[in-house]
PDB file of N, CA and C in Angstrom:
ATOM      1  N   MET A   1       0.838  -1.199   0.000  1.00  0.00           N
ATOM      2  CA  MET A   1       0.000   0.000   0.000  1.00  0.00           C
ATOM      3  C   MET A   1       0.878   1.256   0.000  1.00  0.00           C
ATOM      4  N   THR A   2       0.476   2.220  -0.767  1.00  0.00           N
ATOM      5  CA  THR A   2       1.232   3.464  -0.857  1.00  0.00           C
ATOM      6  C   THR A   2       1.148   4.217   0.459  1.00  0.00           C
ATOM      7  N   ARG A   3       2.310   4.560   1.006  1.00  0.00           N
ATOM      8  CA  ARG A   3       2.390   5.288   2.268  1.00  0.00           C
ATOM      9  C   ARG A   3       2.472   6.799   2.051  1.00  0.00           C
ATOM     10  N   LEU A   4       3.268   7.170   1.049  1.00  0.00           N
ATOM     11  CA  LEU A   4       3.501   8.584   0.766  1.00  0.00           C
ATOM     12  C   LEU A   4       3.361   8.840  -0.725  1.00  0.00           C
ATOM     13  N   VAL A   5       2.893  10.022  -1.060  1.00  0.00           N
ATOM     14  CA  VAL A   5       2.927  10.468  -2.454  1.00  0.00           C
ATOM     15  C   VAL A   5       3.594  11.840  -2.489  1.00  0.00           C
ATOM     16  N   LYS A   6       4.193  12.133  -3.628  1.00  0.00           N
ATOM     17  CA  LYS A   6       4.778  13.457  -3.849  1.00  0.00           C
ATOM     18  C   LYS A   6       4.031  14.067  -5.020  1.00  0.00           C
ATOM     19  N   ALA A   7       3.554  15.270  -4.821  1.00  0.00           N
ATOM     20  CA  ALA A   7       2.748  15.897  -5.869  1.00  0.00           C
ATOM     21  C   ALA A   7       2.970  17.398  -5.913  1.00  0.00           C
ATOM     22  N   SER A   8       2.641  17.941  -7.048  1.00  0.00           N
ATOM     23  CA  SER A   8       2.524  19.380  -7.222  1.00  0.00           C
ATOM     24  C   SER A   8       1.062  19.641  -7.558  1.00  0.00           C
ATOM     25  N   HIS A   9       0.621  20.852  -7.313  1.00  0.00           N
ATOM     26  CA  HIS A   9      -0.757  21.182  -7.683  1.00  0.00           C
ATOM     27  C   HIS A   9      -0.845  22.649  -8.030  1.00  0.00           C
ATOM     28  N   LEU A  10      -1.940  22.982  -8.662  1.00  0.00           N
ATOM     29  CA  LEU A  10      -2.290  24.395  -8.832  1.00  0.00           C
ATOM     30  C   LEU A  10      -3.754  24.524  -8.465  1.00  0.00           C
ATOM     31  N   LEU A  11      -4.108  25.690  -8.012  1.00  0.00           N
ATOM     32  CA  LEU A  11      -5.450  25.954  -7.498  1.00  0.00           C
ATOM     33  C   LEU A  11      -6.018  27.183  -8.190  1.00  0.00           C
ATOM     34  N   VAL A  12      -7.225  27.015  -8.730  1.00  0.00           N
ATOM     35  CA  VAL A  12      -7.925  28.128  -9.379  1.00  0.00           C
ATOM     36  C   VAL A  12      -9.371  28.162  -8.879  1.00  0.00           C
ATOM     37  N   LYS A  13     -10.081  29.216  -9.215  1.00  0.00           N
ATOM     38  CA  LYS A  13     -11.439  29.402  -8.685  1.00  0.00           C
ATOM     39  C   LYS A  13     -12.512  28.610  -9.420  1.00  0.00           C
ATOM     40  N   THR A  14     -12.332  28.366 -10.730  1.00  0.00           N
ATOM     41  CA  THR A  14     -13.413  27.736 -11.487  1.00  0.00           C
ATOM     42  C   THR A  14     -12.959  26.453 -12.184  1.00  0.00           C
ATOM     43  N   GLU A  15     -13.914  25.561 -12.389  1.00  0.00           N
ATOM     44  CA  GLU A  15     -13.633  24.317 -13.108  1.00  0.00           C
ATOM     45  C   GLU A  15     -13.228  24.612 -14.553  1.00  0.00           C
ATOM     46  N   GLU A  16     -13.858  25.598 -15.163  1.00  0.00           N
ATOM     47  CA  GLU A  16     -13.538  25.959 -16.548  1.00  0.00           C
ATOM     48  C   GLU A  16     -12.082  26.387 -16.670  1.00  0.00           C
ATOM     49  N   GLU A  17     -11.621  27.194 -15.719  1.00  0.00           N
ATOM     50  CA  GLU A  17     -10.225  27.640 -15.739  1.00  0.00           C
ATOM     51  C   GLU A  17      -9.280  26.442 -15.580  1.00  0.00           C
ATOM     52  N   ALA A  18      -9.624  25.532 -14.668  1.00  0.00           N
ATOM     53  CA  ALA A  18      -8.788  24.341 -14.455  1.00  0.00           C
ATOM     54  C   ALA A  18      -8.720  23.494 -15.721  1.00  0.00           C
ATOM     55  N   LYS A  19      -9.849  23.309 -16.400  1.00  0.00           N
ATOM     56  CA  LYS A  19      -9.871  22.517 -17.639  1.00  0.00           C
ATOM     57  C   LYS A  19      -9.016  23.164 -18.724  1.00  0.00           C
ATOM     58  N   LYS A  20      -9.104  24.467 -18.839  1.00  0.00           N
ATOM     59  CA  LYS A  20      -8.328  25.202 -19.844  1.00  0.00           C
ATOM     60  C   LYS A  20      -6.834  25.051 -19.577  1.00  0.00           C
ATOM     61  N   ILE A  21      -6.439  25.182 -18.318  1.00  0.00           N
ATOM     62  CA  ILE A  21      -5.024  25.063 -17.960  1.00  0.00           C
ATOM     63  C   ILE A  21      -4.532  23.636 -18.180  1.00  0.00           C
ATOM     64  N   LYS A  22      -5.361  22.643 -17.837  1.00  0.00           N
ATOM     65  CA  LYS A  22      -4.946  21.250 -18.073  1.00  0.00           C
ATOM     66  C   LYS A  22      -4.685  21.027 -19.557  1.00  0.00           C
ATOM     67  N   GLU A  23      -5.555  21.559 -20.417  1.00  0.00           N
ATOM     68  CA  GLU A  23      -5.365  21.405 -21.854  1.00  0.00           C
ATOM     69  C   GLU A  23      -4.036  22.019 -22.291  1.00  0.00           C
ATOM     70  N   GLU A  24      -3.692  23.192 -21.741  1.00  0.00           N
ATOM     71  CA  GLU A  24      -2.415  23.834 -22.066  1.00  0.00           C
ATOM     72  C   GLU A  24      -1.236  22.954 -21.638  1.00  0.00           C
ATOM     73  N   ILE A  25      -1.347  22.332 -20.457  1.00  0.00           N
ATOM     74  CA  ILE A  25      -0.272  21.470 -19.946  1.00  0.00           C
ATOM     75  C   ILE A  25      -0.150  20.219 -20.810  1.00  0.00           C
ATOM     76  N   VAL A  26      -1.274  19.603 -21.148  1.00  0.00           N
ATOM     77  CA  VAL A  26      -1.262  18.409 -22.001  1.00  0.00           C
ATOM     78  C   VAL A  26      -0.618  18.735 -23.354  1.00  0.00           C
ATOM     79  N   ASN A  27      -0.802  19.962 -23.810  1.00  0.00           N
ATOM     80  CA  ASN A  27      -0.241  20.391 -25.092  1.00  0.00           C
ATOM     81  C   ASN A  27       1.169  20.957 -24.973  1.00  0.00           C
ATOM     82  N   GLY A  28       1.821  20.751 -23.814  1.00  0.00           N
ATOM     83  CA  GLY A  28       3.242  21.097 -23.725  1.00  0.00           C
ATOM     84  C   GLY A  28       3.644  22.141 -22.706  1.00  0.00           C
ATOM     85  N   LYS A  29       2.712  22.856 -22.120  1.00  0.00           N
ATOM     86  CA  LYS A  29       3.084  23.861 -21.118  1.00  0.00           C
ATOM     87  C   LYS A  29       3.622  23.177 -19.864  1.00  0.00           C
ATOM     88  N   ASP A  30       4.665  23.721 -19.290  1.00  0.00           N
ATOM     89  CA  ASP A  30       5.265  23.174 -18.077  1.00  0.00           C
ATOM     90  C   ASP A  30       4.321  23.362 -16.887  1.00  0.00           C
ATOM     91  N   PHE A  31       4.082  22.274 -16.136  1.00  0.00           N
ATOM     92  CA  PHE A  31       3.159  22.335 -14.999  1.00  0.00           C
ATOM     93  C   PHE A  31       3.613  23.386 -13.988  1.00  0.00           C
ATOM     94  N   ALA A  32       4.891  23.368 -13.620  1.00  0.00           N
ATOM     95  CA  ALA A  32       5.396  24.310 -12.614  1.00  0.00           C
ATOM     96  C   ALA A  32       5.222  25.753 -13.074  1.00  0.00           C
ATOM     97  N   GLN A  33       5.469  26.004 -14.356  1.00  0.00           N
ATOM     98  CA  GLN A  33       5.298  27.356 -14.881  1.00  0.00           C
ATOM     99  C   GLN A  33       3.829  27.772 -14.818  1.00  0.00           C
ATOM    100  N   ALA A  34       2.925  26.855 -15.165  1.00  0.00           N
ATOM    101  CA  ALA A  34       1.495  27.148 -15.091  1.00  0.00           C
ATOM    102  C   ALA A  34       1.093  27.469 -13.654  1.00  0.00           C
ATOM    103  N   ALA A  35       1.604  26.689 -12.696  1.00  0.00           N
ATOM    104  CA  ALA A  35       1.280  26.927 -11.286  1.00  0.00           C
ATOM    105  C   ALA A  35       1.759  28.308 -10.849  1.00  0.00           C
ATOM    106  N   LYS A  36       2.974  28.678 -11.259  1.00  0.00           N
ATOM    107  CA  LYS A  36       3.512  29.994 -10.897  1.00  0.00           C
ATOM    108  C   LYS A  36       2.639  31.116 -11.458  1.00  0.00           C
ATOM    109  N   GLU A  37       2.109  30.905 -12.654  1.00  0.00           N
ATOM    110  CA  GLU A  37       1.337  31.948 -13.330  1.00  0.00           C
ATOM    111  C   GLU A  37      -0.085  32.083 -12.807  1.00  0.00           C
ATOM    112  N   VAL A  38      -0.746  30.966 -12.460  1.00  0.00           N
ATOM    113  CA  VAL A  38      -2.182  31.052 -12.195  1.00  0.00           C
ATOM    114  C   VAL A  38      -2.648  30.605 -10.815  1.00  0.00           C
ATOM    115  N   SER A  39      -1.831  29.835 -10.100  1.00  0.00           N
ATOM    116  CA  SER A  39      -2.320  29.260  -8.844  1.00  0.00           C
ATOM    117  C   SER A  39      -2.583  30.325  -7.788  1.00  0.00           C
ATOM    118  N   ILE A  40      -3.723  30.188  -7.100  1.00  0.00           N
ATOM    119  CA  ILE A  40      -4.048  31.111  -6.014  1.00  0.00           C
ATOM    120  C   ILE A  40      -3.595  30.547  -4.664  1.00  0.00           C
ATOM    121  N   CYS A  41      -2.904  29.398  -4.699  1.00  0.00           N
ATOM    122  CA  CYS A  41      -2.339  28.809  -3.484  1.00  0.00           C
ATOM    123  C   CYS A  41      -0.905  29.322  -3.316  1.00  0.00           C
ATOM    124  N   PRO A  42      -0.477  29.590  -2.087  1.00  0.00           N
ATOM    125  CA  PRO A  42       0.912  30.048  -1.877  1.00  0.00           C
ATOM    126  C   PRO A  42       1.961  29.099  -2.474  1.00  0.00           C
ATOM    127  N   SER A  43       1.648  27.811  -2.589  1.00  0.00           N
ATOM    128  CA  SER A  43       2.612  26.864  -3.161  1.00  0.00           C
ATOM    129  C   SER A  43       2.899  27.161  -4.633  1.00  0.00           C
ATOM    130  N   GLY A  44       2.045  27.942  -5.265  1.00  0.00           N
ATOM    131  CA  GLY A  44       2.275  28.302  -6.665  1.00  0.00           C
ATOM    132  C   GLY A  44       3.595  29.014  -6.873  1.00  0.00           C
ATOM    133  N   LEU A  45       4.056  29.726  -5.862  1.00  0.00           N
ATOM    134  CA  LEU A  45       5.318  30.451  -5.967  1.00  0.00           C
ATOM    135  C   LEU A  45       6.491  29.523  -6.235  1.00  0.00           C
ATOM    136  N   ASN A  46       6.407  28.273  -5.747  1.00  0.00           N
ATOM    137  CA  ASN A  46       7.481  27.314  -6.018  1.00  0.00           C
ATOM    138  C   ASN A  46       7.006  26.234  -6.990  1.00  0.00           C
ATOM    139  N   GLY A  47       6.185  26.616  -7.942  1.00  0.00           N
ATOM    140  CA  GLY A  47       5.740  25.698  -8.979  1.00  0.00           C
ATOM    141  C   GLY A  47       4.689  24.703  -8.520  1.00  0.00           C
ATOM    142  N   GLY A  48       4.098  24.953  -7.359  1.00  0.00           N
ATOM    143  CA  GLY A  48       3.039  24.084  -6.861  1.00  0.00           C
ATOM    144  C   GLY A  48       3.525  22.871  -6.096  1.00  0.00           C
ATOM    145  N   ASP A  49       4.834  22.753  -5.891  1.00  0.00           N
ATOM    146  CA  ASP A  49       5.397  21.571  -5.229  1.00  0.00           C
ATOM    147  C   ASP A  49       4.920  21.472  -3.788  1.00  0.00           C
ATOM    148  N   LEU A  50       4.303  20.329  -3.460  1.00  0.00           N
ATOM    149  CA  LEU A  50       3.827  20.072  -2.094  1.00  0.00           C
ATOM    150  C   LEU A  50       4.737  19.121  -1.337  1.00  0.00           C
ATOM    151  N   GLY A  51       5.732  18.570  -2.017  1.00  0.00           N
ATOM    152  CA  GLY A  51       6.599  17.576  -1.389  1.00  0.00           C
ATOM    153  C   GLY A  51       5.837  16.280  -1.139  1.00  0.00           C
ATOM    154  N   TYR A  52       6.389  15.467  -0.234  1.00  0.00           N
ATOM    155  CA  TYR A  52       5.733  14.196   0.120  1.00  0.00           C
ATOM    156  C   TYR A  52       4.691  14.429   1.196  1.00  0.00           C
ATOM    157  N   PHE A  53       3.590  13.683   1.114  1.00  0.00           N
ATOM    158  CA  PHE A  53       2.590  13.729   2.175  1.00  0.00           C
ATOM    159  C   PHE A  53       1.931  12.359   2.313  1.00  0.00           C
ATOM    160  N   SER A  54       1.400  12.125   3.500  1.00  0.00           N
ATOM    161  CA  SER A  54       0.734  10.859   3.793  1.00  0.00           C
ATOM    162  C   SER A  54      -0.760  11.097   3.908  1.00  0.00           C
ATOM    163  N   ARG A  55      -1.500  10.006   4.036  1.00  0.00           N
ATOM    164  CA  ARG A  55      -2.943  10.133   4.230  1.00  0.00           C
ATOM    165  C   ARG A  55      -3.213  10.910   5.516  1.00  0.00           C
ATOM    166  N   GLY A  56      -4.252  11.742   5.471  1.00  0.00           N
ATOM    167  CA  GLY A  56      -4.617  12.522   6.647  1.00  0.00           C
ATOM    168  C   GLY A  56      -4.036  13.922   6.678  1.00  0.00           C
ATOM    169  N   GLN A  57      -3.186  14.258   5.708  1.00  0.00           N
ATOM    170  CA  GLN A  57      -2.567  15.589   5.701  1.00  0.00           C
ATOM    171  C   GLN A  57      -3.278  16.584   4.792  1.00  0.00           C
ATOM    172  N   MET A  58      -4.045  16.086   3.832  1.00  0.00           N
ATOM    173  CA  MET A  58      -4.732  16.951   2.873  1.00  0.00           C
ATOM    174  C   MET A  58      -6.240  16.740   3.016  1.00  0.00           C
ATOM    175  N   VAL A  59      -7.008  17.661   2.446  1.00  0.00           N
ATOM    176  CA  VAL A  59      -8.457  17.467   2.474  1.00  0.00           C
ATOM    177  C   VAL A  59      -8.799  16.192   1.706  1.00  0.00           C
ATOM    178  N   LYS A  60      -9.894  15.545   2.093  1.00  0.00           N
ATOM    179  CA  LYS A  60     -10.237  14.208   1.594  1.00  0.00           C
ATOM    180  C   LYS A  60     -10.280  14.117   0.070  1.00  0.00           C
ATOM    181  N   GLU A  61     -10.941  15.043  -0.595  1.00  0.00           N
ATOM    182  CA  GLU A  61     -11.082  14.969  -2.050  1.00  0.00           C
ATOM    183  C   GLU A  61      -9.704  14.996  -2.726  1.00  0.00           C
ATOM    184  N   PHE A  62      -8.844  15.863  -2.226  1.00  0.00           N
ATOM    185  CA  PHE A  62      -7.496  16.009  -2.780  1.00  0.00           C
ATOM    186  C   PHE A  62      -6.697  14.738  -2.517  1.00  0.00           C
ATOM    187  N   GLU A  63      -6.737  14.268  -1.290  1.00  0.00           N
ATOM    188  CA  GLU A  63      -5.996  13.068  -0.896  1.00  0.00           C
ATOM    189  C   GLU A  63      -6.453  11.843  -1.686  1.00  0.00           C
ATOM    190  N   ASP A  64      -7.765  11.642  -1.789  1.00  0.00           N
ATOM    191  CA  ASP A  64      -8.292  10.486  -2.520  1.00  0.00           C
ATOM    192  C   ASP A  64      -7.790  10.488  -3.964  1.00  0.00           C
ATOM    193  N   ALA A  65      -7.797  11.654  -4.582  1.00  0.00           N
ATOM    194  CA  ALA A  65      -7.327  11.752  -5.965  1.00  0.00           C
ATOM    195  C   ALA A  65      -5.830  11.457  -6.054  1.00  0.00           C
ATOM    196  N   ALA A  66      -5.048  12.098  -5.213  1.00  0.00           N
ATOM    197  CA  ALA A  66      -3.587  11.940  -5.281  1.00  0.00           C
ATOM    198  C   ALA A  66      -3.165  10.490  -5.075  1.00  0.00           C
ATOM    199  N   PHE A  67      -3.779   9.814  -4.118  1.00  0.00           N
ATOM    200  CA  PHE A  67      -3.383   8.438  -3.816  1.00  0.00           C
ATOM    201  C   PHE A  67      -3.883   7.437  -4.859  1.00  0.00           C
ATOM    202  N   SER A  68      -4.793   7.847  -5.737  1.00  0.00           N
ATOM    203  CA  SER A  68      -5.285   6.934  -6.769  1.00  0.00           C
ATOM    204  C   SER A  68      -4.585   7.152  -8.111  1.00  0.00           C
ATOM    205  N   MET A  69      -3.695   8.131  -8.196  1.00  0.00           N
ATOM    206  CA  MET A  69      -3.049   8.473  -9.456  1.00  0.00           C
ATOM    207  C   MET A  69      -1.778   7.663  -9.687  1.00  0.00           C
ATOM    208  N   GLU A  70      -1.335   7.669 -10.943  1.00  0.00           N
ATOM    209  CA  GLU A  70      -0.065   7.062 -11.320  1.00  0.00           C
ATOM    210  C   GLU A  70       0.983   8.164 -11.466  1.00  0.00           C
ATOM    211  N   ILE A  71       2.242   7.819 -11.254  1.00  0.00           N
ATOM    212  CA  ILE A  71       3.335   8.789 -11.394  1.00  0.00           C
ATOM    213  C   ILE A  71       3.316   9.367 -12.808  1.00  0.00           C
ATOM    214  N   GLY A  72       3.416  10.687 -12.894  1.00  0.00           N
ATOM    215  CA  GLY A  72       3.415  11.383 -14.173  1.00  0.00           C
ATOM    216  C   GLY A  72       2.039  11.815 -14.640  1.00  0.00           C
ATOM    217  N   GLU A  73       1.015  11.393 -13.934  1.00  0.00           N
ATOM    218  CA  GLU A  73      -0.360  11.707 -14.322  1.00  0.00           C
ATOM    219  C   GLU A  73      -0.763  13.101 -13.822  1.00  0.00           C
ATOM    220  N   ILE A  74      -1.593  13.760 -14.597  1.00  0.00           N
ATOM    221  CA  ILE A  74      -2.201  15.037 -14.196  1.00  0.00           C
ATOM    222  C   ILE A  74      -3.697  14.778 -14.047  1.00  0.00           C
ATOM    223  N   SER A  75      -4.235  15.161 -12.909  1.00  0.00           N
ATOM    224  CA  SER A  75      -5.648  14.893 -12.615  1.00  0.00           C
ATOM    225  C   SER A  75      -6.574  15.766 -13.443  1.00  0.00           C
ATOM    226  N   ASN A  76      -7.819  15.345 -13.509  1.00  0.00           N
ATOM    227  CA  ASN A  76      -8.881  16.241 -13.929  1.00  0.00           C
ATOM    228  C   ASN A  76      -9.109  17.213 -12.782  1.00  0.00           C
ATOM    229  N   PRO A  77      -9.861  18.289 -12.983  1.00  0.00           N
ATOM    230  CA  PRO A  77     -10.112  19.226 -11.874  1.00  0.00           C
ATOM    231  C   PRO A  77     -10.734  18.528 -10.656  1.00  0.00           C
ATOM    232  N   ILE A  78     -10.177  18.796  -9.496  1.00  0.00           N
ATOM    233  CA  ILE A  78     -10.661  18.245  -8.228  1.00  0.00           C
ATOM    234  C   ILE A  78     -11.243  19.395  -7.423  1.00  0.00           C
ATOM    235  N   LYS A  79     -12.540  19.308  -7.089  1.00  0.00           N
ATOM    236  CA  LYS A  79     -13.188  20.378  -6.328  1.00  0.00           C
ATOM    237  C   LYS A  79     -13.008  20.142  -4.831  1.00  0.00           C
ATOM    238  N   THR A  80     -12.536  21.183  -4.136  1.00  0.00           N
ATOM    239  CA  THR A  80     -12.483  21.178  -2.668  1.00  0.00           C
ATOM    240  C   THR A  80     -13.083  22.497  -2.193  1.00  0.00           C
ATOM    241  N   GLN A  81     -13.093  22.685  -0.883  1.00  0.00           N
ATOM    242  CA  GLN A  81     -13.627  23.944  -0.361  1.00  0.00           C
ATOM    243  C   GLN A  81     -12.771  25.150  -0.769  1.00  0.00           C
ATOM    244  N   PHE A  82     -11.555  24.896  -1.276  1.00  0.00           N
ATOM    245  CA  PHE A  82     -10.654  25.989  -1.651  1.00  0.00           C
ATOM    246  C   PHE A  82     -10.823  26.428  -3.097  1.00  0.00           C
ATOM    247  N   GLY A  83     -11.380  25.550  -3.934  1.00  0.00           N
ATOM    248  CA  GLY A  83     -11.516  25.836  -5.356  1.00  0.00           C
ATOM    249  C   GLY A  83     -11.290  24.565  -6.141  1.00  0.00           C
ATOM    250  N   TYR A  84     -10.673  24.693  -7.322  1.00  0.00           N
ATOM    251  CA  TYR A  84     -10.428  23.551  -8.210  1.00  0.00           C
ATOM    252  C   TYR A  84      -8.928  23.342  -8.364  1.00  0.00           C
ATOM    253  N   HIS A  85      -8.503  22.121  -8.095  1.00  0.00           N
ATOM    254  CA  HIS A  85      -7.091  21.757  -8.154  1.00  0.00           C
ATOM    255  C   HIS A  85      -6.807  20.922  -9.394  1.00  0.00           C
ATOM    256  N   LEU A  86      -5.609  21.091  -9.937  1.00  0.00           N
ATOM    257  CA  LEU A  86      -5.015  20.114 -10.835  1.00  0.00           C
ATOM    258  C   LEU A  86      -3.839  19.546 -10.058  1.00  0.00           C
ATOM    259  N   ILE A  87      -3.754  18.228 -10.008  1.00  0.00           N
ATOM    260  CA  ILE A  87      -2.682  17.559  -9.279  1.00  0.00           C
ATOM    261  C   ILE A  87      -1.765  16.876 -10.284  1.00  0.00           C
ATOM    262  N   TYR A  88      -0.479  17.027 -10.078  1.00  0.00           N
ATOM    263  CA  TYR A  88       0.537  16.356 -10.885  1.00  0.00           C
ATOM    264  C   TYR A  88       1.320  15.455  -9.954  1.00  0.00           C
ATOM    265  N   LEU A  89       1.137  14.138 -10.101  1.00  0.00           N
ATOM    266  CA  LEU A  89       1.795  13.191  -9.199  1.00  0.00           C
ATOM    267  C   LEU A  89       3.201  12.915  -9.690  1.00  0.00           C
ATOM    268  N   THR A  90       4.193  13.136  -8.818  1.00  0.00           N
ATOM    269  CA  THR A  90       5.587  12.985  -9.224  1.00  0.00           C
ATOM    270  C   THR A  90       6.299  11.790  -8.605  1.00  0.00           C
ATOM    271  N   ASP A  91       5.758  11.211  -7.514  1.00  0.00           N
ATOM    272  CA  ASP A  91       6.398  10.043  -6.917  1.00  0.00           C
ATOM    273  C   ASP A  91       5.446   9.377  -5.925  1.00  0.00           C
ATOM    274  N   LYS A  92       5.731   8.083  -5.667  1.00  0.00           N
ATOM    275  CA  LYS A  92       4.998   7.312  -4.648  1.00  0.00           C
ATOM    276  C   LYS A  92       6.013   6.505  -3.853  1.00  0.00           C
ATOM    277  N   GLN A  93       5.752   6.331  -2.574  1.00  0.00           N
ATOM    278  CA  GLN A  93       6.594   5.457  -1.753  1.00  0.00           C
ATOM    279  C   GLN A  93       5.706   4.508  -0.988  1.00  0.00           C
ATOM    280  N   ASP A  94       6.058   3.222  -1.029  1.00  0.00           N
ATOM    281  CA  ASP A  94       5.292   2.211  -0.307  1.00  0.00           C
ATOM    282  C   ASP A  94       5.768   2.097   1.130  1.00  0.00           C
TER     283      ASP A  94
END
């Protein structure tokens, strides 16, 4: 079972904005650069990097998505009380 995941994310206010940004990333835009440009989360300043985290450290919707992803995958927009996230999973540790 996965104990830790390492992810970056970006946070925006609307699902439409998140979908548009995901399309830009899929078409070649650097995730970290996108996070620096648009994320309303303080982590955007460092490209959205959240480092490693375990279950229980993030809000449930975010955590459930991150722990179900594969390394290198970018999530669809994830709605939380903060807005809409795109998650980029960069590593997993068992």
